[in-house]
Amino acid sequence: MSDWMTEQVRDHGRAAADLERQLDQVREVAIVIERAFAEGGKLWTFGNGGSAADAQHFTGELIGHYRHDRPPLPAVTLSTDPTAMTCIANDYSYADVFSRQVTALAQPGDVVAAFTTSGRSSNIVDGLAAAKAAGATTVLFGGGEGGPAKEFADFSLLSPSTVTPRIQELHTLMLHLISEHLDNVAAGVAA
């Protein structure tokens, strides 16, 4: 077991080191969200399973407290409303749970961020497509090549791995980097 664990830690380290090649795009996404907030826009996030937890983690850092006391930032995770989720899934289909919410809520000037390990789930792809149609800026937190969801992403932050745990671990790193940038801006603290 210890050899297996050691290999997992090493695999994480290699993937995190590979992420350095995308830091300019991570910074760009942080600035895009910063500008959206400055102009009255909101951040809408969503995902399935562990990716839903990542989406919720991201908005929690922004509404709550990251490092500094500062005003809450306007971020909402769509998968946290079980009534809307189950109503849409029952009345339409599970594939529609995010696209219907995005269509109802997202506007030009907003940012819509989808978290996914494969980029293949129809509800993720359709949610990003609805965000593009609504005029929002779209961000994909994905893995590998990004899957079909990448087609609807203005920005693709792709974990350099195809293994679910590594992908999600690097999503957390990226959302923390972006959260810290936004936290510093909102608190008026130089990074």
N, C-alpha and C. Protein backbone atom coordinates (compact mmCIF):
# COMPACT_ATOMS: atom_id res chain seq x y z
N MET A 1 0.83 -1.20 0.00
CA MET A 1 0.00 0.00 0.00
C MET A 1 0.87 1.25 0.00
N SER A 2 1.94 1.26 0.75
CA SER A 2 2.75 2.47 0.82
C SER A 2 3.37 2.80 -0.53
N ASP A 3 3.75 1.80 -1.35
CA ASP A 3 4.29 2.09 -2.68
C ASP A 3 3.22 2.73 -3.57
N TRP A 4 1.99 2.24 -3.47
CA TRP A 4 0.88 2.81 -4.22
C TRP A 4 0.64 4.27 -3.80
N MET A 5 0.67 4.52 -2.52
CA MET A 5 0.46 5.88 -2.03
C MET A 5 1.58 6.81 -2.48
N THR A 6 2.80 6.32 -2.43
CA THR A 6 3.94 7.12 -2.88
C THR A 6 3.77 7.50 -4.35
N GLU A 7 3.35 6.53 -5.17
CA GLU A 7 3.15 6.82 -6.59
C GLU A 7 2.05 7.84 -6.81
N GLN A 8 0.99 7.81 -6.01
CA GLN A 8 -0.09 8.80 -6.12
C GLN A 8 0.42 10.20 -5.80
N VAL A 9 1.23 10.31 -4.77
CA VAL A 9 1.80 11.62 -4.40
C VAL A 9 2.72 12.12 -5.50
N ARG A 10 3.53 11.25 -6.06
CA ARG A 10 4.43 11.65 -7.14
C ARG A 10 3.65 12.07 -8.38
N ASP A 11 2.57 11.33 -8.69
CA ASP A 11 1.73 11.67 -9.83
C ASP A 11 1.10 13.05 -9.63
N HIS A 12 0.66 13.34 -8.42
CA HIS A 12 0.11 14.66 -8.11
C HIS A 12 1.18 15.73 -8.34
N GLY A 13 2.39 15.49 -7.85
CA GLY A 13 3.47 16.47 -8.02
C GLY A 13 3.78 16.74 -9.48
N ARG A 14 3.81 15.69 -10.30
CA ARG A 14 4.07 15.87 -11.74
C ARG A 14 2.96 16.69 -12.40
N ALA A 15 1.72 16.37 -12.07
CA ALA A 15 0.59 17.10 -12.66
C ALA A 15 0.60 18.56 -12.23
N ALA A 16 0.88 18.81 -10.95
CA ALA A 16 0.93 20.20 -10.46
C ALA A 16 2.06 20.96 -11.14
N ALA A 17 3.20 20.33 -11.35
CA ALA A 17 4.31 20.98 -12.05
C ALA A 17 3.92 21.29 -13.50
N ASP A 18 3.20 20.37 -14.15
CA ASP A 18 2.74 20.60 -15.52
C ASP A 18 1.75 21.76 -15.61
N LEU A 19 1.03 22.01 -14.52
CA LEU A 19 0.05 23.09 -14.51
C LEU A 19 0.70 24.47 -14.68
N GLU A 20 1.98 24.57 -14.36
CA GLU A 20 2.68 25.86 -14.51
C GLU A 20 2.55 26.40 -15.92
N ARG A 21 2.45 25.55 -16.91
CA ARG A 21 2.35 26.00 -18.30
C ARG A 21 1.04 26.75 -18.56
N GLN A 22 0.07 26.60 -17.69
CA GLN A 22 -1.23 27.25 -17.87
C GLN A 22 -1.43 28.45 -16.95
N LEU A 23 -0.44 28.81 -16.19
CA LEU A 23 -0.64 29.88 -15.20
C LEU A 23 -1.08 31.19 -15.83
N ASP A 24 -0.61 31.50 -17.03
CA ASP A 24 -1.05 32.75 -17.67
C ASP A 24 -2.56 32.71 -17.91
N GLN A 25 -3.08 31.57 -18.31
CA GLN A 25 -4.53 31.47 -18.54
C GLN A 25 -5.30 31.50 -17.21
N VAL A 26 -4.75 30.90 -16.17
CA VAL A 26 -5.39 30.97 -14.85
C VAL A 26 -5.46 32.43 -14.40
N ARG A 27 -4.37 33.16 -14.59
CA ARG A 27 -4.36 34.60 -14.26
C ARG A 27 -5.40 35.36 -15.09
N GLU A 28 -5.48 35.03 -16.37
CA GLU A 28 -6.44 35.71 -17.25
C GLU A 28 -7.87 35.47 -16.78
N VAL A 29 -8.19 34.24 -16.39
CA VAL A 29 -9.53 33.94 -15.88
C VAL A 29 -9.78 34.73 -14.59
N ALA A 30 -8.81 34.82 -13.72
CA ALA A 30 -8.97 35.60 -12.49
C ALA A 30 -9.30 37.06 -12.82
N ILE A 31 -8.63 37.62 -13.81
CA ILE A 31 -8.87 39.01 -14.20
C ILE A 31 -10.23 39.16 -14.86
N VAL A 32 -10.64 38.19 -15.66
CA VAL A 32 -11.96 38.23 -16.30
C VAL A 32 -13.06 38.24 -15.23
N ILE A 33 -12.91 37.40 -14.21
CA ILE A 33 -13.91 37.38 -13.13
C ILE A 33 -13.85 38.67 -12.32
N GLU A 34 -12.65 39.15 -12.06
CA GLU A 34 -12.49 40.43 -11.35
C GLU A 34 -13.24 41.55 -12.09
N ARG A 35 -13.07 41.62 -13.40
CA ARG A 35 -13.73 42.66 -14.20
C ARG A 35 -15.24 42.47 -14.20
N ALA A 36 -15.68 41.23 -14.28
CA ALA A 36 -17.13 40.96 -14.24
C ALA A 36 -17.71 41.47 -12.93
N PHE A 37 -17.06 41.18 -11.83
CA PHE A 37 -17.54 41.66 -10.52
C PHE A 37 -17.54 43.19 -10.47
N ALA A 38 -16.49 43.81 -10.99
CA ALA A 38 -16.39 45.28 -10.96
C ALA A 38 -17.49 45.93 -11.77
N GLU A 39 -18.00 45.22 -12.79
CA GLU A 39 -19.04 45.78 -13.66
C GLU A 39 -20.43 45.27 -13.30
N GLY A 40 -20.56 44.67 -12.11
CA GLY A 40 -21.87 44.22 -11.64
C GLY A 40 -22.27 42.82 -12.07
N GLY A 41 -21.36 42.07 -12.67
CA GLY A 41 -21.66 40.71 -13.09
C GLY A 41 -21.55 39.73 -11.93
N LYS A 42 -22.00 38.50 -12.20
CA LYS A 42 -21.97 37.43 -11.22
C LYS A 42 -21.22 36.24 -11.78
N LEU A 43 -20.79 35.37 -10.88
CA LEU A 43 -20.18 34.10 -11.25
C LEU A 43 -21.17 32.99 -10.93
N TRP A 44 -21.48 32.18 -11.93
CA TRP A 44 -22.36 31.01 -11.79
C TRP A 44 -21.50 29.78 -12.01
N THR A 45 -21.58 28.80 -11.10
CA THR A 45 -20.78 27.59 -11.24
C THR A 45 -21.67 26.36 -11.17
N PHE A 46 -21.17 25.26 -11.74
CA PHE A 46 -21.88 23.99 -11.63
C PHE A 46 -20.96 22.83 -11.96
N GLY A 47 -21.40 21.65 -11.60
CA GLY A 47 -20.68 20.41 -11.88
C GLY A 47 -21.47 19.24 -11.34
N ASN A 48 -20.99 18.04 -11.60
CA ASN A 48 -21.63 16.81 -11.12
C ASN A 48 -20.72 16.13 -10.09
N GLY A 49 -21.32 15.55 -9.05
CA GLY A 49 -20.56 14.77 -8.08
C GLY A 49 -19.45 15.57 -7.42
N GLY A 50 -18.22 15.04 -7.48
CA GLY A 50 -17.07 15.74 -6.90
C GLY A 50 -16.83 17.08 -7.57
N SER A 51 -17.16 17.19 -8.84
CA SER A 51 -17.02 18.47 -9.54
C SER A 51 -18.05 19.48 -9.05
N ALA A 52 -19.22 19.01 -8.62
CA ALA A 52 -20.20 19.92 -7.99
C ALA A 52 -19.63 20.45 -6.68
N ALA A 53 -18.93 19.58 -5.95
CA ALA A 53 -18.29 20.02 -4.71
C ALA A 53 -17.21 21.07 -5.00
N ASP A 54 -16.46 20.89 -6.10
CA ASP A 54 -15.46 21.89 -6.48
C ASP A 54 -16.13 23.21 -6.84
N ALA A 55 -17.23 23.15 -7.57
CA ALA A 55 -17.96 24.36 -7.93
C ALA A 55 -18.45 25.08 -6.68
N GLN A 56 -18.97 24.32 -5.73
CA GLN A 56 -19.45 24.90 -4.48
C GLN A 56 -18.30 25.45 -3.64
N HIS A 57 -17.18 24.74 -3.65
CA HIS A 57 -15.99 25.20 -2.94
C HIS A 57 -15.57 26.59 -3.46
N PHE A 58 -15.55 26.73 -4.78
CA PHE A 58 -15.16 27.99 -5.40
C PHE A 58 -16.06 29.14 -4.94
N THR A 59 -17.37 28.95 -5.04
CA THR A 59 -18.27 30.04 -4.65
C THR A 59 -18.21 30.29 -3.15
N GLY A 60 -18.00 29.23 -2.38
CA GLY A 60 -17.86 29.42 -0.93
C GLY A 60 -16.69 30.31 -0.57
N GLU A 61 -15.57 30.12 -1.26
CA GLU A 61 -14.39 30.97 -1.00
C GLU A 61 -14.68 32.43 -1.33
N LEU A 62 -15.52 32.66 -2.34
CA LEU A 62 -15.79 34.03 -2.78
C LEU A 62 -16.86 34.72 -1.94
N ILE A 63 -17.89 34.00 -1.58
CA ILE A 63 -18.94 34.59 -0.74
C ILE A 63 -18.47 34.71 0.69
N GLY A 64 -17.71 33.72 1.11
CA GLY A 64 -17.23 33.70 2.50
C GLY A 64 -15.96 34.48 2.67
N HIS A 65 -14.99 33.82 3.20
CA HIS A 65 -13.73 34.44 3.60
C HIS A 65 -12.61 33.57 3.09
N TYR A 66 -11.69 34.15 2.34
CA TYR A 66 -10.54 33.37 1.90
C TYR A 66 -9.37 33.66 2.83
N ARG A 67 -8.76 34.83 2.71
CA ARG A 67 -7.69 35.23 3.63
C ARG A 67 -8.00 36.56 4.33
N HIS A 68 -8.81 37.37 3.67
CA HIS A 68 -9.02 38.72 4.16
C HIS A 68 -10.49 38.98 4.48
N ASP A 69 -10.71 39.87 5.44
CA ASP A 69 -12.07 40.36 5.66
C ASP A 69 -12.38 41.34 4.54
N ARG A 70 -13.46 41.08 3.85
CA ARG A 70 -13.84 41.90 2.70
C ARG A 70 -15.30 41.62 2.39
N PRO A 71 -15.91 42.43 1.53
CA PRO A 71 -17.30 42.18 1.18
C PRO A 71 -17.44 40.84 0.45
N PRO A 72 -18.60 40.21 0.57
CA PRO A 72 -18.82 38.97 -0.18
C PRO A 72 -18.87 39.26 -1.68
N LEU A 73 -18.43 38.30 -2.46
CA LEU A 73 -18.44 38.45 -3.91
C LEU A 73 -19.61 37.65 -4.50
N PRO A 74 -20.23 38.15 -5.57
CA PRO A 74 -21.47 37.56 -6.10
C PRO A 74 -21.24 36.27 -6.90
N ALA A 75 -21.30 35.15 -6.20
CA ALA A 75 -21.07 33.85 -6.82
C ALA A 75 -22.12 32.86 -6.33
N VAL A 76 -22.63 32.04 -7.24
CA VAL A 76 -23.69 31.08 -6.92
C VAL A 76 -23.38 29.75 -7.60
N THR A 77 -23.57 28.65 -6.86
CA THR A 77 -23.44 27.32 -7.44
C THR A 77 -24.82 26.76 -7.73
N LEU A 78 -25.08 26.43 -8.98
CA LEU A 78 -26.40 26.00 -9.40
C LEU A 78 -26.80 24.63 -8.87
N SER A 79 -25.84 23.78 -8.61
CA SER A 79 -26.16 22.42 -8.15
C SER A 79 -26.54 22.36 -6.68
N THR A 80 -26.53 23.48 -5.97
CA THR A 80 -26.86 23.47 -4.55
C THR A 80 -28.34 23.64 -4.27
N ASP A 81 -29.16 23.79 -5.30
CA ASP A 81 -30.60 23.95 -5.12
C ASP A 81 -31.29 22.63 -5.49
N PRO A 82 -31.52 21.75 -4.51
CA PRO A 82 -32.11 20.45 -4.84
C PRO A 82 -33.52 20.54 -5.41
N THR A 83 -34.25 21.57 -5.05
CA THR A 83 -35.60 21.71 -5.58
C THR A 83 -35.57 22.00 -7.08
N ALA A 84 -34.76 22.97 -7.48
CA ALA A 84 -34.64 23.27 -8.91
C ALA A 84 -34.05 22.09 -9.67
N MET A 85 -33.01 21.49 -9.12
CA MET A 85 -32.37 20.36 -9.79
C MET A 85 -33.36 19.22 -10.04
N THR A 86 -34.08 18.82 -9.00
CA THR A 86 -34.99 17.67 -9.15
C THR A 86 -36.23 18.03 -9.95
N CYS A 87 -36.68 19.27 -9.85
CA CYS A 87 -37.83 19.72 -10.64
C CYS A 87 -37.49 19.66 -12.13
N ILE A 88 -36.35 20.22 -12.50
CA ILE A 88 -35.95 20.23 -13.91
C ILE A 88 -35.69 18.81 -14.40
N ALA A 89 -35.01 18.01 -13.60
CA ALA A 89 -34.72 16.62 -14.00
C ALA A 89 -36.01 15.83 -14.19
N ASN A 90 -36.99 16.06 -13.33
CA ASN A 90 -38.26 15.35 -13.41
C ASN A 90 -39.13 15.86 -14.56
N ASP A 91 -39.25 17.17 -14.69
CA ASP A 91 -40.14 17.75 -15.69
C ASP A 91 -39.54 17.73 -17.10
N TYR A 92 -38.23 17.77 -17.20
CA TYR A 92 -37.55 17.78 -18.50
C TYR A 92 -36.62 16.57 -18.57
N SER A 93 -35.35 16.79 -18.21
CA SER A 93 -34.40 15.68 -18.13
C SER A 93 -33.20 16.14 -17.31
N TYR A 94 -32.42 15.17 -16.87
CA TYR A 94 -31.22 15.53 -16.12
C TYR A 94 -30.25 16.34 -16.99
N ALA A 95 -30.28 16.12 -18.27
CA ALA A 95 -29.42 16.86 -19.19
C ALA A 95 -29.73 18.36 -19.17
N ASP A 96 -30.92 18.74 -18.72
CA ASP A 96 -31.35 20.14 -18.73
C ASP A 96 -31.14 20.89 -17.42
N VAL A 97 -30.63 20.21 -16.37
CA VAL A 97 -30.62 20.84 -15.04
C VAL A 97 -29.80 22.12 -14.98
N PHE A 98 -28.72 22.21 -15.72
CA PHE A 98 -27.92 23.44 -15.69
C PHE A 98 -28.32 24.42 -16.79
N SER A 99 -28.64 23.91 -17.97
CA SER A 99 -28.97 24.83 -19.06
C SER A 99 -30.21 25.65 -18.75
N ARG A 100 -31.20 25.06 -18.12
CA ARG A 100 -32.41 25.83 -17.79
C ARG A 100 -32.11 26.90 -16.74
N GLN A 101 -31.30 26.56 -15.76
CA GLN A 101 -30.95 27.56 -14.74
C GLN A 101 -30.10 28.68 -15.33
N VAL A 102 -29.14 28.30 -16.16
CA VAL A 102 -28.28 29.31 -16.81
C VAL A 102 -29.12 30.21 -17.70
N THR A 103 -30.03 29.63 -18.47
CA THR A 103 -30.89 30.43 -19.35
C THR A 103 -31.72 31.41 -18.53
N ALA A 104 -32.19 30.99 -17.37
CA ALA A 104 -33.02 31.85 -16.53
C ALA A 104 -32.22 32.94 -15.84
N LEU A 105 -30.95 32.69 -15.54
CA LEU A 105 -30.22 33.58 -14.64
C LEU A 105 -29.04 34.32 -15.25
N ALA A 106 -28.27 33.69 -16.09
CA ALA A 106 -27.03 34.30 -16.60
C ALA A 106 -27.32 35.38 -17.62
N GLN A 107 -26.49 36.41 -17.58
CA GLN A 107 -26.64 37.56 -18.47
C GLN A 107 -25.29 37.94 -19.06
N PRO A 108 -25.29 38.74 -20.11
CA PRO A 108 -24.02 39.28 -20.59
C PRO A 108 -23.32 40.00 -19.44
N GLY A 109 -22.03 39.82 -19.32
CA GLY A 109 -21.27 40.41 -18.23
C GLY A 109 -21.04 39.44 -17.09
N ASP A 110 -21.79 38.33 -17.06
CA ASP A 110 -21.58 37.29 -16.06
C ASP A 110 -20.52 36.31 -16.55
N VAL A 111 -20.01 35.52 -15.61
CA VAL A 111 -19.09 34.43 -15.93
C VAL A 111 -19.76 33.14 -15.47
N VAL A 112 -19.75 32.13 -16.32
CA VAL A 112 -20.30 30.82 -16.00
C VAL A 112 -19.15 29.83 -16.06
N ALA A 113 -18.91 29.14 -14.93
CA ALA A 113 -17.80 28.19 -14.84
C ALA A 113 -18.33 26.79 -14.58
N ALA A 114 -17.95 25.86 -15.43
CA ALA A 114 -18.35 24.46 -15.28
C ALA A 114 -17.13 23.64 -14.85
N PHE A 115 -17.35 22.78 -13.88
CA PHE A 115 -16.32 21.87 -13.41
C PHE A 115 -16.69 20.45 -13.87
N THR A 116 -15.74 19.77 -14.51
CA THR A 116 -15.98 18.42 -15.02
C THR A 116 -14.66 17.70 -15.18
N THR A 117 -14.66 16.41 -14.94
CA THR A 117 -13.43 15.66 -15.16
C THR A 117 -13.32 15.18 -16.61
N SER A 118 -14.45 14.88 -17.24
CA SER A 118 -14.42 14.34 -18.60
C SER A 118 -14.79 15.36 -19.67
N GLY A 119 -15.66 16.32 -19.33
CA GLY A 119 -16.17 17.26 -20.32
C GLY A 119 -17.19 16.63 -21.24
N ARG A 120 -17.70 15.45 -20.89
CA ARG A 120 -18.63 14.74 -21.76
C ARG A 120 -20.07 14.72 -21.25
N SER A 121 -20.32 15.04 -20.00
CA SER A 121 -21.68 14.98 -19.47
C SER A 121 -22.57 15.97 -20.20
N SER A 122 -23.72 15.49 -20.66
CA SER A 122 -24.59 16.35 -21.46
C SER A 122 -25.07 17.56 -20.68
N ASN A 123 -25.29 17.43 -19.39
CA ASN A 123 -25.76 18.60 -18.63
C ASN A 123 -24.67 19.67 -18.52
N ILE A 124 -23.42 19.27 -18.51
CA ILE A 124 -22.31 20.22 -18.48
C ILE A 124 -22.18 20.91 -19.83
N VAL A 125 -22.15 20.11 -20.89
CA VAL A 125 -22.03 20.65 -22.25
C VAL A 125 -23.19 21.60 -22.54
N ASP A 126 -24.41 21.17 -22.23
CA ASP A 126 -25.59 22.01 -22.49
C ASP A 126 -25.61 23.27 -21.62
N GLY A 127 -25.11 23.15 -20.39
CA GLY A 127 -25.04 24.33 -19.52
C GLY A 127 -24.09 25.38 -20.06
N LEU A 128 -22.93 24.94 -20.56
CA LEU A 128 -21.99 25.90 -21.16
C LEU A 128 -22.54 26.47 -22.46
N ALA A 129 -23.21 25.65 -23.24
CA ALA A 129 -23.82 26.15 -24.49
C ALA A 129 -24.86 27.21 -24.18
N ALA A 130 -25.67 26.99 -23.15
CA ALA A 130 -26.68 27.98 -22.75
C ALA A 130 -26.03 29.27 -22.28
N ALA A 131 -24.91 29.14 -21.59
CA ALA A 131 -24.20 30.34 -21.12
C ALA A 131 -23.67 31.16 -22.29
N LYS A 132 -23.12 30.47 -23.29
CA LYS A 132 -22.65 31.18 -24.50
C LYS A 132 -23.81 31.89 -25.17
N ALA A 133 -24.95 31.19 -25.28
CA ALA A 133 -26.13 31.78 -25.92
C ALA A 133 -26.65 32.98 -25.14
N ALA A 134 -26.46 32.98 -23.83
CA ALA A 134 -26.91 34.09 -22.99
C ALA A 134 -25.94 35.27 -23.02
N GLY A 135 -24.77 35.08 -23.64
CA GLY A 135 -23.79 36.16 -23.72
C GLY A 135 -22.84 36.23 -22.55
N ALA A 136 -22.83 35.20 -21.70
CA ALA A 136 -21.90 35.15 -20.57
C ALA A 136 -20.53 34.67 -21.05
N THR A 137 -19.51 34.97 -20.30
CA THR A 137 -18.18 34.43 -20.54
C THR A 137 -18.15 33.04 -19.91
N THR A 138 -17.62 32.07 -20.64
CA THR A 138 -17.64 30.69 -20.15
C THR A 138 -16.24 30.19 -19.83
N VAL A 139 -16.15 29.47 -18.70
CA VAL A 139 -14.88 28.89 -18.24
C VAL A 139 -15.11 27.41 -17.99
N LEU A 140 -14.24 26.60 -18.54
CA LEU A 140 -14.27 25.16 -18.31
C LEU A 140 -13.11 24.78 -17.42
N PHE A 141 -13.41 24.22 -16.25
CA PHE A 141 -12.41 23.56 -15.43
C PHE A 141 -12.53 22.09 -15.79
N GLY A 142 -11.63 21.58 -16.62
CA GLY A 142 -11.74 20.23 -17.12
C GLY A 142 -10.48 19.43 -16.91
N GLY A 143 -10.41 18.33 -17.64
CA GLY A 143 -9.24 17.47 -17.58
C GLY A 143 -8.89 16.97 -18.96
N GLY A 144 -7.69 16.50 -19.12
CA GLY A 144 -7.26 15.95 -20.41
C GLY A 144 -7.40 16.97 -21.52
N GLU A 145 -8.16 16.59 -22.56
CA GLU A 145 -8.38 17.48 -23.70
C GLU A 145 -9.64 18.34 -23.56
N GLY A 146 -10.42 18.13 -22.51
CA GLY A 146 -11.60 18.96 -22.26
C GLY A 146 -12.91 18.40 -22.75
N GLY A 147 -12.87 17.41 -23.63
CA GLY A 147 -14.10 16.79 -24.13
C GLY A 147 -14.95 17.77 -24.92
N PRO A 148 -16.20 17.39 -25.23
CA PRO A 148 -17.09 18.25 -26.01
C PRO A 148 -17.40 19.59 -25.32
N ALA A 149 -17.28 19.66 -24.01
CA ALA A 149 -17.56 20.92 -23.30
C ALA A 149 -16.61 22.03 -23.73
N LYS A 150 -15.42 21.66 -24.16
CA LYS A 150 -14.42 22.67 -24.54
C LYS A 150 -14.91 23.55 -25.70
N GLU A 151 -15.78 22.99 -26.54
CA GLU A 151 -16.30 23.74 -27.69
C GLU A 151 -17.03 25.01 -27.24
N PHE A 152 -17.62 24.99 -26.05
CA PHE A 152 -18.42 26.12 -25.57
C PHE A 152 -17.69 26.95 -24.51
N ALA A 153 -16.40 26.76 -24.36
CA ALA A 153 -15.62 27.46 -23.35
C ALA A 153 -14.80 28.58 -23.96
N ASP A 154 -14.95 29.78 -23.41
CA ASP A 154 -14.07 30.89 -23.79
C ASP A 154 -12.68 30.65 -23.22
N PHE A 155 -12.63 30.03 -22.05
CA PHE A 155 -11.38 29.71 -21.38
C PHE A 155 -11.45 28.26 -20.92
N SER A 156 -10.42 27.48 -21.22
CA SER A 156 -10.36 26.09 -20.78
C SER A 156 -9.17 25.91 -19.85
N LEU A 157 -9.46 25.73 -18.58
CA LEU A 157 -8.44 25.44 -17.59
C LEU A 157 -8.43 23.93 -17.39
N LEU A 158 -7.52 23.27 -18.08
CA LEU A 158 -7.52 21.81 -18.13
C LEU A 158 -6.41 21.23 -17.27
N SER A 159 -6.80 20.42 -16.31
CA SER A 159 -5.81 19.71 -15.51
C SER A 159 -5.02 18.79 -16.43
N PRO A 160 -3.70 18.84 -16.37
CA PRO A 160 -2.89 18.01 -17.27
C PRO A 160 -2.86 16.55 -16.81
N SER A 161 -4.03 15.95 -16.78
CA SER A 161 -4.15 14.55 -16.37
C SER A 161 -5.47 14.01 -16.93
N THR A 162 -5.57 12.70 -16.98
CA THR A 162 -6.84 12.06 -17.36
C THR A 162 -7.36 11.21 -16.20
N VAL A 163 -6.75 11.32 -15.04
CA VAL A 163 -7.12 10.55 -13.86
C VAL A 163 -7.96 11.45 -12.95
N THR A 164 -9.17 11.01 -12.63
CA THR A 164 -10.12 11.84 -11.89
C THR A 164 -9.53 12.48 -10.63
N PRO A 165 -8.85 11.74 -9.74
CA PRO A 165 -8.33 12.40 -8.54
C PRO A 165 -7.36 13.54 -8.86
N ARG A 166 -6.47 13.35 -9.85
CA ARG A 166 -5.51 14.41 -10.20
C ARG A 166 -6.25 15.61 -10.78
N ILE A 167 -7.23 15.34 -11.64
CA ILE A 167 -7.99 16.44 -12.24
C ILE A 167 -8.63 17.28 -11.16
N GLN A 168 -9.32 16.64 -10.22
CA GLN A 168 -10.01 17.38 -9.17
C GLN A 168 -9.04 18.08 -8.23
N GLU A 169 -7.90 17.45 -7.94
CA GLU A 169 -6.90 18.09 -7.08
C GLU A 169 -6.39 19.38 -7.72
N LEU A 170 -6.19 19.34 -9.03
CA LEU A 170 -5.68 20.54 -9.71
C LEU A 170 -6.78 21.58 -9.91
N HIS A 171 -8.03 21.14 -10.03
CA HIS A 171 -9.13 22.12 -10.03
C HIS A 171 -9.10 22.91 -8.73
N THR A 172 -8.88 22.22 -7.62
CA THR A 172 -8.82 22.90 -6.33
C THR A 172 -7.67 23.90 -6.30
N LEU A 173 -6.52 23.51 -6.81
CA LEU A 173 -5.39 24.44 -6.86
C LEU A 173 -5.73 25.66 -7.71
N MET A 174 -6.32 25.44 -8.89
CA MET A 174 -6.66 26.57 -9.76
C MET A 174 -7.72 27.48 -9.11
N LEU A 175 -8.76 26.88 -8.51
CA LEU A 175 -9.78 27.73 -7.90
C LEU A 175 -9.22 28.49 -6.71
N HIS A 176 -8.24 27.91 -6.00
CA HIS A 176 -7.61 28.63 -4.91
C HIS A 176 -6.76 29.80 -5.43
N LEU A 177 -6.04 29.59 -6.52
CA LEU A 177 -5.25 30.68 -7.10
C LEU A 177 -6.15 31.84 -7.52
N ILE A 178 -7.25 31.52 -8.18
CA ILE A 178 -8.19 32.55 -8.62
C ILE A 178 -8.86 33.20 -7.42
N SER A 179 -9.24 32.41 -6.44
CA SER A 179 -9.87 32.95 -5.22
C SER A 179 -8.94 33.92 -4.51
N GLU A 180 -7.67 33.57 -4.43
CA GLU A 180 -6.73 34.47 -3.74
C GLU A 180 -6.59 35.79 -4.50
N HIS A 181 -6.54 35.73 -5.82
CA HIS A 181 -6.47 36.96 -6.61
C HIS A 181 -7.69 37.84 -6.33
N LEU A 182 -8.88 37.22 -6.42
CA LEU A 182 -10.12 37.99 -6.21
C LEU A 182 -10.23 38.48 -4.78
N ASP A 183 -9.79 37.69 -3.83
CA ASP A 183 -9.79 38.07 -2.43
C ASP A 183 -8.89 39.30 -2.21
N ASN A 184 -7.69 39.27 -2.79
CA ASN A 184 -6.78 40.41 -2.66
C ASN A 184 -7.38 41.67 -3.26
N VAL A 185 -7.97 41.55 -4.44
CA VAL A 185 -8.58 42.71 -5.10
C VAL A 185 -9.71 43.27 -4.24
N ALA A 186 -10.59 42.40 -3.78
CA ALA A 186 -11.75 42.86 -3.00
C ALA A 186 -11.34 43.47 -1.67
N ALA A 187 -10.23 43.00 -1.11
CA ALA A 187 -9.75 43.54 0.17
C ALA A 187 -8.81 44.73 -0.02
N GLY A 188 -8.45 45.04 -1.28
CA GLY A 188 -7.53 46.14 -1.54
C GLY A 188 -6.12 45.83 -1.09
N VAL A 189 -5.73 44.56 -1.19
CA VAL A 189 -4.41 44.12 -0.74
C VAL A 189 -3.56 43.78 -1.96
N ALA A 190 -2.36 44.28 -2.01
CA ALA A 190 -1.46 43.96 -3.12
C ALA A 190 -0.99 42.52 -2.98
N ALA A 191 -0.96 41.80 -4.09
CA ALA A 191 -0.53 40.39 -4.06
C ALA A 191 0.97 40.29 -4.03
